[in-house]
Protein backbone atom coordinates (compact mmCIF):
# COMPACT_ATOMS: atom_id res chain seq x y z
CA MET A 1 -66.50 -9.08 15.46
CA GLU A 2 -64.16 -11.72 14.18
CA GLU A 3 -64.19 -10.63 10.54
CA LEU A 4 -62.84 -7.22 11.53
CA GLU A 5 -59.78 -8.40 13.45
CA PRO A 6 -57.27 -8.73 10.54
CA TYR A 7 -58.06 -5.17 9.42
CA ARG A 8 -57.81 -3.36 12.74
CA LEU A 9 -55.04 -0.77 12.95
CA SER A 10 -53.45 -2.68 15.81
CA ALA A 11 -53.22 -5.81 13.65
CA ILE A 12 -51.84 -3.87 10.67
CA ARG A 13 -49.30 -2.10 12.89
CA SER A 14 -48.26 -5.35 14.56
CA GLY A 15 -47.79 -7.07 11.21
CA LEU A 16 -45.55 -4.29 10.00
CA GLU A 17 -43.49 -4.18 13.20
CA GLU A 18 -42.75 -7.89 12.99
CA ARG A 19 -40.92 -7.53 9.69
CA ALA A 20 -37.33 -6.60 8.93
CA PRO A 21 -36.70 -3.68 6.54
CA GLY A 22 -37.74 -4.51 2.98
CA LEU A 23 -40.66 -4.49 0.57
CA TYR A 24 -43.10 -7.37 0.97
CA ARG A 25 -45.74 -8.50 -1.50
CA ASP A 26 -48.64 -10.53 -0.17
CA ASP A 27 -52.01 -11.83 -1.30
CA GLY A 28 -50.86 -12.54 -4.84
CA GLY A 29 -49.37 -9.08 -5.34
CA ARG A 30 -52.46 -7.19 -4.16
CA ARG A 31 -51.01 -6.05 -0.84
CA TRP A 32 -47.65 -4.44 -0.13
CA ALA A 33 -45.82 -3.73 3.12
CA ALA A 34 -42.95 -1.24 3.02
CA VAL A 35 -40.71 -1.45 6.07
CA CYS A 36 -37.85 0.97 6.69
CA GLU A 37 -35.81 1.96 9.72
CA HIS A 38 -38.14 4.77 10.75
CA ASP A 39 -41.26 4.20 8.64
CA ARG A 40 -43.69 1.35 8.03
CA TRP A 41 -46.76 1.48 5.85
CA ALA A 42 -48.98 -0.75 3.73
CA VAL A 43 -50.97 -0.51 0.52
CA GLU A 44 -53.79 -2.87 -0.39
CA LEU A 45 -56.02 -3.25 -3.44
CA VAL A 46 -59.61 -3.62 -2.22
CA PRO A 47 -62.24 -3.65 -4.98
CA GLY A 48 -65.64 -2.74 -3.58
CA LEU A 49 -64.19 -0.95 -0.56
CA LEU A 50 -67.50 0.80 0.25
CA ASN A 51 -69.66 -2.29 -0.22
CA LEU A 52 -71.52 -3.03 2.99
CA LYS A 53 -69.89 -6.44 3.39
CA THR A 54 -66.31 -5.13 3.03
CA PRO A 55 -64.90 -4.84 6.59
CA HIS A 56 -61.70 -2.86 6.01
CA LEU A 57 -62.91 0.62 6.93
CA ALA A 58 -65.28 -0.63 9.62
CA ALA A 59 -62.32 -2.20 11.43
CA LEU A 60 -60.64 1.18 11.90
CA GLY A 61 -62.71 1.95 14.99
CA PRO A 62 -66.11 2.98 16.33
CA ARG A 63 -65.53 6.64 15.49
CA LEU A 64 -63.81 8.01 12.40
CA TYR A 65 -63.09 11.48 11.11
CA VAL A 66 -63.49 11.72 7.34
CA VAL A 67 -61.83 14.46 5.30
CA ALA A 68 -63.07 14.35 1.71
CA ASP A 69 -62.81 16.59 -1.28
CA ALA A 70 -66.10 17.97 -2.57
CA GLY A 71 -66.00 16.01 -5.82
CA ALA A 72 -65.44 12.68 -4.07
CA TRP A 73 -68.08 13.39 -1.43
CA LYS A 74 -70.64 14.37 -4.07
CA ILE A 75 -70.15 11.01 -5.77
CA PHE A 76 -69.53 8.74 -2.79
CA GLY A 77 -71.01 10.61 0.17
CA ARG A 78 -74.31 8.76 0.20
CA GLN A 79 -72.55 5.41 -0.10
CA CYS A 80 -70.13 6.37 2.68
CA LYS A 81 -73.01 7.35 4.98
CA SER A 82 -74.78 4.05 4.30
CA TYR A 83 -71.59 2.11 4.96
CA LEU A 84 -70.88 3.88 8.25
CA ALA A 85 -74.49 3.50 9.40
CA HIS A 86 -74.47 -0.21 8.53
CA TRP A 87 -71.44 -0.75 10.77
CA ASN A 88 -72.72 1.60 13.52
CA ILE A 89 -69.73 3.92 13.15
CA ASP A 90 -69.94 7.47 14.43
CA TYR A 91 -68.08 9.97 12.29
CA GLY A 92 -67.06 13.58 11.88
CA LEU A 93 -66.66 15.21 8.48
CA SER A 94 -64.76 17.99 6.75
CA VAL A 95 -65.40 18.56 3.04
CA LEU A 96 -62.71 20.41 1.09
CA SER A 97 -63.07 22.15 -2.25
CA GLY A 98 -60.54 19.77 -3.84
CA GLY A 99 -57.72 20.42 -6.27
CA GLU A 100 -54.34 22.01 -5.68
CA GLY A 101 -55.95 25.00 -3.97
CA VAL A 102 -56.63 22.97 -0.80
CA LYS A 103 -52.90 22.52 -0.19
CA SER A 104 -52.55 25.57 2.04
CA LEU A 105 -51.80 26.35 5.66
CA SER A 106 -55.21 27.96 6.03
CA VAL A 107 -56.92 24.70 5.03
CA VAL A 108 -54.73 22.82 7.52
CA GLU A 109 -55.85 25.22 10.24
CA GLY A 110 -59.48 24.80 9.21
CA ILE A 111 -59.31 21.01 9.50
CA VAL A 112 -57.60 21.30 12.88
CA ARG A 113 -60.41 23.54 14.12
CA ASP A 114 -62.97 21.04 12.82
CA LEU A 115 -61.21 18.22 14.67
CA ASP A 116 -61.20 20.22 17.88
CA LYS A 117 -64.92 20.96 17.53
CA ALA A 118 -65.52 17.24 17.06
CA GLY A 119 -63.62 16.47 20.26
CA ALA A 120 -60.91 14.49 18.49
CA GLY A 121 -58.23 12.97 20.71
CA ARG A 122 -54.77 11.52 20.24
CA ASP A 123 -56.15 8.23 18.91
CA GLN A 124 -58.60 9.74 16.46
CA VAL A 125 -58.38 7.93 13.12
CA ILE A 126 -58.62 10.24 10.11
CA VAL A 127 -59.74 8.82 6.76
CA ALA A 128 -58.66 10.89 3.75
CA LEU A 129 -60.98 10.39 0.78
CA GLY A 130 -60.10 12.14 -2.46
CA GLY A 131 -57.39 13.01 -4.94
CA GLY A 132 -53.70 13.56 -4.39
CA ALA A 133 -54.04 17.14 -3.15
CA THR A 134 -56.52 16.10 -0.48
CA LEU A 135 -54.28 13.25 0.62
CA ASP A 136 -51.34 15.65 0.87
CA VAL A 137 -53.08 18.21 3.06
CA VAL A 138 -54.63 15.57 5.33
CA GLY A 139 -51.17 14.06 5.77
CA VAL A 140 -49.90 17.40 7.06
CA VAL A 141 -52.79 17.51 9.53
CA ALA A 142 -52.23 13.90 10.65
CA GLN A 143 -48.53 14.53 11.18
CA GLY A 144 -49.06 17.63 13.30
CA TYR A 145 -52.41 17.29 15.06
CA ARG A 146 -51.69 16.55 18.73
CA ARG A 147 -48.18 15.64 17.51
CA GLY A 148 -49.49 12.84 15.34
CA VAL A 149 -52.68 10.83 14.88
CA PRO A 150 -53.32 7.67 12.83
CA TRP A 151 -54.67 8.12 9.35
CA VAL A 152 -55.73 6.05 6.34
CA ARG A 153 -55.71 7.06 2.68
CA VAL A 154 -58.52 6.20 0.24
CA PRO A 155 -57.55 7.72 -3.13
CA THR A 156 -60.24 8.46 -5.69
CA THR A 157 -57.93 9.39 -8.59
CA LEU A 158 -55.32 7.44 -10.48
CA ILE A 159 -52.54 9.80 -9.37
CA GLY A 160 -53.68 9.38 -5.79
CA ALA A 161 -53.63 5.61 -6.14
CA ILE A 162 -50.19 5.20 -7.69
CA ASP A 163 -48.31 8.28 -6.47
CA ALA A 164 -49.61 10.53 -3.68
CA GLY A 165 -51.36 7.66 -1.93
CA VAL A 166 -48.42 5.29 -1.69
CA GLY A 167 -45.50 7.50 -0.65
CA LEU A 168 -44.26 9.10 2.55
CA LYS A 169 -44.19 12.80 1.68
CA VAL A 170 -46.99 15.17 2.60
CA GLY A 171 -47.04 18.91 2.05
CA VAL A 172 -48.85 22.15 1.35
CA ASN A 173 -48.00 25.03 -0.95
CA VAL A 174 -47.01 28.57 -0.02
CA GLY A 175 -47.51 31.14 -2.77
CA THR A 176 -46.13 29.69 -6.00
CA ALA A 177 -43.86 27.30 -4.07
CA LYS A 178 -45.14 23.75 -4.29
CA ASN A 179 -44.97 21.59 -1.16
CA ARG A 180 -42.90 24.23 0.63
CA VAL A 181 -44.13 23.08 4.07
CA GLY A 182 -44.44 19.37 4.78
CA GLY A 183 -42.72 16.24 5.97
CA TYR A 184 -42.71 12.45 5.94
CA CYS A 185 -45.89 10.88 7.25
CA PRO A 186 -47.18 7.81 5.41
CA SER A 187 -50.61 6.61 6.43
CA LEU A 188 -50.50 3.26 8.16
CA ILE A 189 -52.36 1.83 5.18
CA THR A 190 -53.76 3.00 1.84
CA TYR A 191 -56.80 1.23 0.44
CA VAL A 192 -56.99 1.39 -3.36
CA ASP A 193 -60.35 0.60 -4.95
CA PRO A 194 -60.18 0.88 -8.76
CA GLY A 195 -63.93 1.42 -8.79
CA LEU A 196 -63.51 4.73 -6.98
CA ILE A 197 -60.90 5.85 -9.51
CA ALA A 198 -63.18 5.06 -12.44
CA THR A 199 -65.42 8.02 -11.64
CA SER A 200 -62.58 10.50 -12.29
CA ARG A 201 -62.73 12.88 -15.24
CA PRO A 202 -60.87 11.60 -18.33
CA GLU A 203 -58.27 14.37 -18.03
CA ASP A 204 -57.54 13.37 -14.44
CA ILE A 205 -57.10 9.73 -15.41
CA ALA A 206 -54.76 10.88 -18.19
CA GLY A 207 -52.71 12.69 -15.56
CA GLY A 208 -52.36 9.38 -13.77
CA PHE A 209 -51.05 7.83 -16.98
CA ALA A 210 -48.28 10.45 -16.89
CA GLU A 211 -47.22 9.24 -13.45
CA ALA A 212 -47.39 5.62 -14.58
CA LEU A 213 -45.25 6.44 -17.62
CA LYS A 214 -42.79 8.29 -15.38
CA ILE A 215 -42.18 5.43 -12.97
CA GLY A 216 -42.19 2.95 -15.85
CA LEU A 217 -39.42 4.79 -17.68
CA VAL A 218 -37.13 4.83 -14.65
CA ARG A 219 -38.14 1.67 -12.78
CA ASP A 220 -40.17 -0.89 -14.72
CA ALA A 221 -40.13 -1.03 -18.51
CA ARG A 222 -43.10 -3.41 -18.46
CA ILE A 223 -45.33 -0.45 -17.65
CA VAL A 224 -44.20 1.48 -20.72
CA GLY A 225 -44.76 -1.49 -22.99
CA TRP A 226 -48.16 -2.11 -21.44
CA LEU A 227 -49.22 1.51 -21.93
CA GLU A 228 -48.15 1.30 -25.56
CA ALA A 229 -50.02 -1.94 -26.13
CA HIS A 230 -53.26 -0.83 -24.47
CA ALA A 231 -53.38 2.98 -24.73
CA GLU A 232 -56.77 3.23 -26.42
CA GLY A 233 -58.36 0.64 -24.15
CA LEU A 234 -56.99 2.36 -21.08
CA ARG A 235 -58.47 5.70 -22.11
CA ALA A 236 -61.84 4.00 -22.59
CA TRP A 237 -61.74 2.29 -19.18
CA ARG A 238 -64.75 2.96 -16.97
CA GLY A 239 -64.10 0.72 -13.99
CA GLU A 240 -64.31 -2.75 -15.48
CA ARG A 241 -62.41 -5.38 -13.49
CA ASP A 242 -59.66 -7.63 -14.83
CA THR A 243 -58.72 -5.20 -17.59
CA PRO A 244 -55.35 -3.66 -18.59
CA MET A 245 -55.91 -0.86 -16.06
CA GLN A 246 -55.50 -3.37 -13.22
CA ARG A 247 -51.93 -4.07 -14.34
CA VAL A 248 -51.14 -0.36 -14.67
CA ILE A 249 -52.25 0.21 -11.09
CA GLU A 250 -50.51 -2.85 -9.64
CA TRP A 251 -47.21 -2.42 -11.48
CA SER A 252 -47.06 1.32 -10.84
CA ILE A 253 -47.66 0.88 -7.11
CA ASP A 254 -45.03 -1.83 -6.98
CA ALA A 255 -42.45 0.23 -8.86
CA MET A 256 -43.07 3.33 -6.74
CA LEU A 257 -42.83 1.41 -3.48
CA THR A 258 -39.64 -0.30 -4.66
CA GLU A 259 -38.07 3.11 -5.23
CA LEU A 260 -39.35 4.67 -2.00
CA GLN A 261 -38.58 1.81 0.35
CA ALA A 262 -34.91 1.92 -0.62
CA ASN A 263 -34.60 5.67 0.02
CA PRO A 264 -37.61 6.70 2.13
CA ARG A 265 -36.43 10.02 3.54
CA GLU A 266 -34.23 11.12 0.66
CA ALA A 267 -30.87 10.47 2.31
CA ASP A 268 -29.77 10.03 -1.31
CA ARG A 269 -31.18 12.99 -3.18
CA ARG A 270 -30.71 11.26 -6.52
CA ARG A 271 -34.26 9.92 -6.69
CA LEU A 272 -35.66 8.21 -9.76
CA SER A 273 -39.15 9.16 -8.63
CA ASP A 274 -38.20 12.83 -9.12
CA TYR A 275 -38.32 12.29 -12.87
CA GLY A 276 -40.81 14.77 -14.29
CA HIS A 277 -40.35 17.04 -11.27
CA ALA A 278 -37.69 19.50 -12.43
CA VAL A 279 -39.54 22.50 -13.85
CA GLY A 280 -42.93 20.76 -13.77
CA PRO A 281 -43.86 21.81 -10.21
CA LEU A 282 -43.23 25.49 -10.94
CA LEU A 283 -45.17 25.21 -14.20
CA GLU A 284 -48.09 23.76 -12.25
CA ARG A 285 -48.19 26.66 -9.83
CA ARG A 286 -47.64 29.50 -12.31
CA ALA A 287 -49.86 28.14 -15.07
CA ASN A 288 -52.44 26.56 -12.74
CA ILE A 289 -52.39 23.17 -14.42
CA ARG A 290 -52.92 19.67 -13.07
CA HIS A 291 -50.01 17.82 -11.48
CA GLY A 292 -50.03 15.06 -14.08
CA ASP A 293 -49.84 17.61 -16.89
CA GLY A 294 -46.83 19.26 -15.24
CA VAL A 295 -45.11 15.88 -14.96
CA ALA A 296 -45.87 15.08 -18.60
CA VAL A 297 -44.53 18.37 -19.97
CA ASP A 298 -41.42 18.10 -17.79
CA MET A 299 -40.74 14.59 -19.08
CA ALA A 300 -41.13 15.70 -22.68
CA LEU A 301 -38.53 18.41 -22.13
CA MET A 302 -36.14 15.81 -20.75
CA TRP A 303 -36.78 13.44 -23.66
CA HIS A 304 -35.49 16.13 -25.97
CA VAL A 305 -32.54 16.97 -23.71
CA ALA A 306 -31.66 13.27 -23.41
CA THR A 307 -31.82 12.90 -27.19
CA GLU A 308 -29.63 15.92 -27.81
CA ARG A 309 -27.09 14.54 -25.34
CA GLY A 310 -27.11 11.07 -26.87
CA HIS A 311 -28.80 9.25 -23.99
CA MET A 312 -31.97 8.61 -25.98
CA SER A 313 -32.42 7.84 -29.65
CA PRO A 314 -34.51 10.15 -31.85
CA GLU A 315 -36.73 7.16 -32.55
CA GLY A 316 -37.21 6.62 -28.81
CA ARG A 317 -38.15 10.24 -28.32
CA GLU A 318 -40.73 10.06 -31.13
CA ARG A 319 -42.11 6.82 -29.74
CA LEU A 320 -42.68 8.43 -26.34
CA LEU A 321 -44.19 11.58 -27.79
CA ASP A 322 -46.56 9.44 -29.83
CA LEU A 323 -47.48 7.44 -26.72
CA ALA A 324 -48.16 10.64 -24.79
CA GLY A 325 -50.58 11.73 -27.51
CA ARG A 326 -52.34 8.37 -27.47
CA LEU A 327 -52.71 8.58 -23.67
CA GLY A 328 -54.06 12.14 -23.84
CA ILE A 329 -51.26 13.80 -21.90
CA PRO A 330 -49.63 17.08 -23.01
CA THR A 331 -46.01 17.55 -24.05
CA THR A 332 -45.82 21.34 -24.24
CA HIS A 333 -47.33 24.46 -22.70
CA PRO A 334 -47.27 28.15 -23.68
CA ALA A 335 -46.13 29.14 -20.18
CA LEU A 336 -42.72 27.50 -20.73
CA THR A 337 -40.88 30.81 -20.94
CA PRO A 338 -37.09 31.11 -20.57
CA GLU A 339 -37.69 32.82 -17.22
CA LEU A 340 -39.83 29.96 -15.88
CA LEU A 341 -37.34 27.36 -17.06
CA ALA A 342 -34.43 29.18 -15.41
CA ASP A 343 -36.38 29.64 -12.20
CA GLY A 344 -37.39 25.97 -12.19
CA LEU A 345 -33.81 24.78 -12.56
CA ALA A 346 -32.64 27.12 -9.80
CA GLU A 347 -35.33 25.77 -7.47
CA VAL A 348 -34.30 22.18 -8.22
CA VAL A 349 -30.73 22.95 -7.19
CA ARG A 350 -31.89 24.50 -3.92
CA GLN A 351 -34.14 21.53 -3.21
CA ARG A 352 -31.54 18.86 -4.01
CA GLY A 353 -28.62 20.09 -1.97
CA GLY A 354 -26.85 22.14 -4.63
CA ASN A 355 -27.23 19.54 -7.39
CA GLN A 356 -29.61 19.09 -10.30
CA HIS A 357 -29.91 15.28 -10.11
CA LEU A 358 -32.11 15.17 -13.24
CA PRO A 359 -32.92 11.59 -14.34
CA LEU A 360 -32.35 11.06 -18.08
CA PRO A 361 -33.68 7.62 -19.12
CA ASP A 362 -32.09 5.58 -21.88
CA ASP A 363 -34.68 4.08 -24.23
CA ARG A 364 -32.25 1.42 -25.40
CA GLY A 365 -32.03 -0.49 -22.12
CA GLY A 366 -29.09 1.32 -20.58
CA PRO A 367 -29.09 2.72 -17.04
CA VAL A 368 -30.65 6.06 -16.19
CA GLN A 369 -28.15 8.88 -16.58
CA TRP A 370 -28.05 11.84 -14.21
CA GLY A 371 -28.02 15.33 -15.63
CA GLU A 372 -26.00 17.68 -13.42
CA ASP A 373 -25.19 20.47 -15.86
CA VAL A 374 -28.42 21.01 -17.81
CA GLU A 375 -28.73 24.67 -18.75
CA ALA A 376 -31.87 26.73 -19.02
CA GLY A 377 -30.99 27.36 -22.67
CA GLU A 378 -31.20 23.62 -23.38
CA LEU A 379 -34.66 23.52 -21.87
CA ALA A 380 -35.71 26.60 -23.83
CA HIS A 381 -34.52 24.92 -27.01
CA ALA A 382 -36.45 21.80 -26.07
CA ALA A 383 -39.59 23.80 -25.32
CA ALA A 384 -39.36 25.59 -28.68
CA TRP A 385 -38.80 22.32 -30.51
CA LEU A 386 -41.81 20.69 -28.81
CA ALA A 387 -44.03 23.70 -29.51
CA SER A 388 -43.13 23.60 -33.21
CA ARG A 389 -44.00 19.94 -33.76
């Protein structure tokens, strides 16, 4: 069918292979193509992705394997079934519990067994439908199953749309170690439908605001200003089109892809996108909190450290703390013990080749500074100061 041709994986792959390394913005800034030496992937905004007349998913092939988290499938399962039936697409299905708990080797093995039972081959296209954790675990499966199969991401959370769904890294947790096993395996394309995101719980959308604030502080100050100007309206958003949320999604995707395309496989371990990921990942695992909350608390710690070191003004710190409150994201947590903070710093050094590489933004327009000698005592002082506010 002619309307499917531009969206077939072969056409997407061919379009990416024709381009020299760089980040390309097409269709009025609603489609991105990131091209690197070893990796090529695309992201496209597609409102109404599951509408029967939208051909993007139908073009992926006559048989798909869908891996969805339980929350997404409960909301969108009936619509997905109607869509697939309308286009005469056969499909297999695995439904995961969702949340950070699915990022485990046992879940990877379970999906692999499901694929085998379904008779999946080397060309089986997997569609990942859900939040960031689901996208991460499916990426591990896609990278390893039969030494690699094509996959497509359809995020249903704001974090999935602007962070987990647009990058290269996939991973699963082992014990309290976050993303201990994983690799680099971007889906050939990610389809972002804001309407799917709108069904998320308010606290999950707030977690996405933390990621947007993160990339805005280190990559695109427009995002920070936009969040400040529209915080209350953003929190009230319920899927309306052509609203401030559209800009948050578009600008955040663009900023993240700009950062990742320039350093896709972390040859330079000083990564701006690691802002908010110092002690935050360990806090997530030990305190069992959402990823966005871990990012937010980590950033707040660094705002105080940056202020104490003269990289950020006290007024800038207060402005950001106020914005965090307006967006509904936390800035402290009772689990921030001296032991956790010391362990988190030690893990960062192991992960980043013997260096801390902690981004410390300057709220006055200066370049991001890199903390290489931050001590656990500084973080403990920051945690105590934040808790006493």
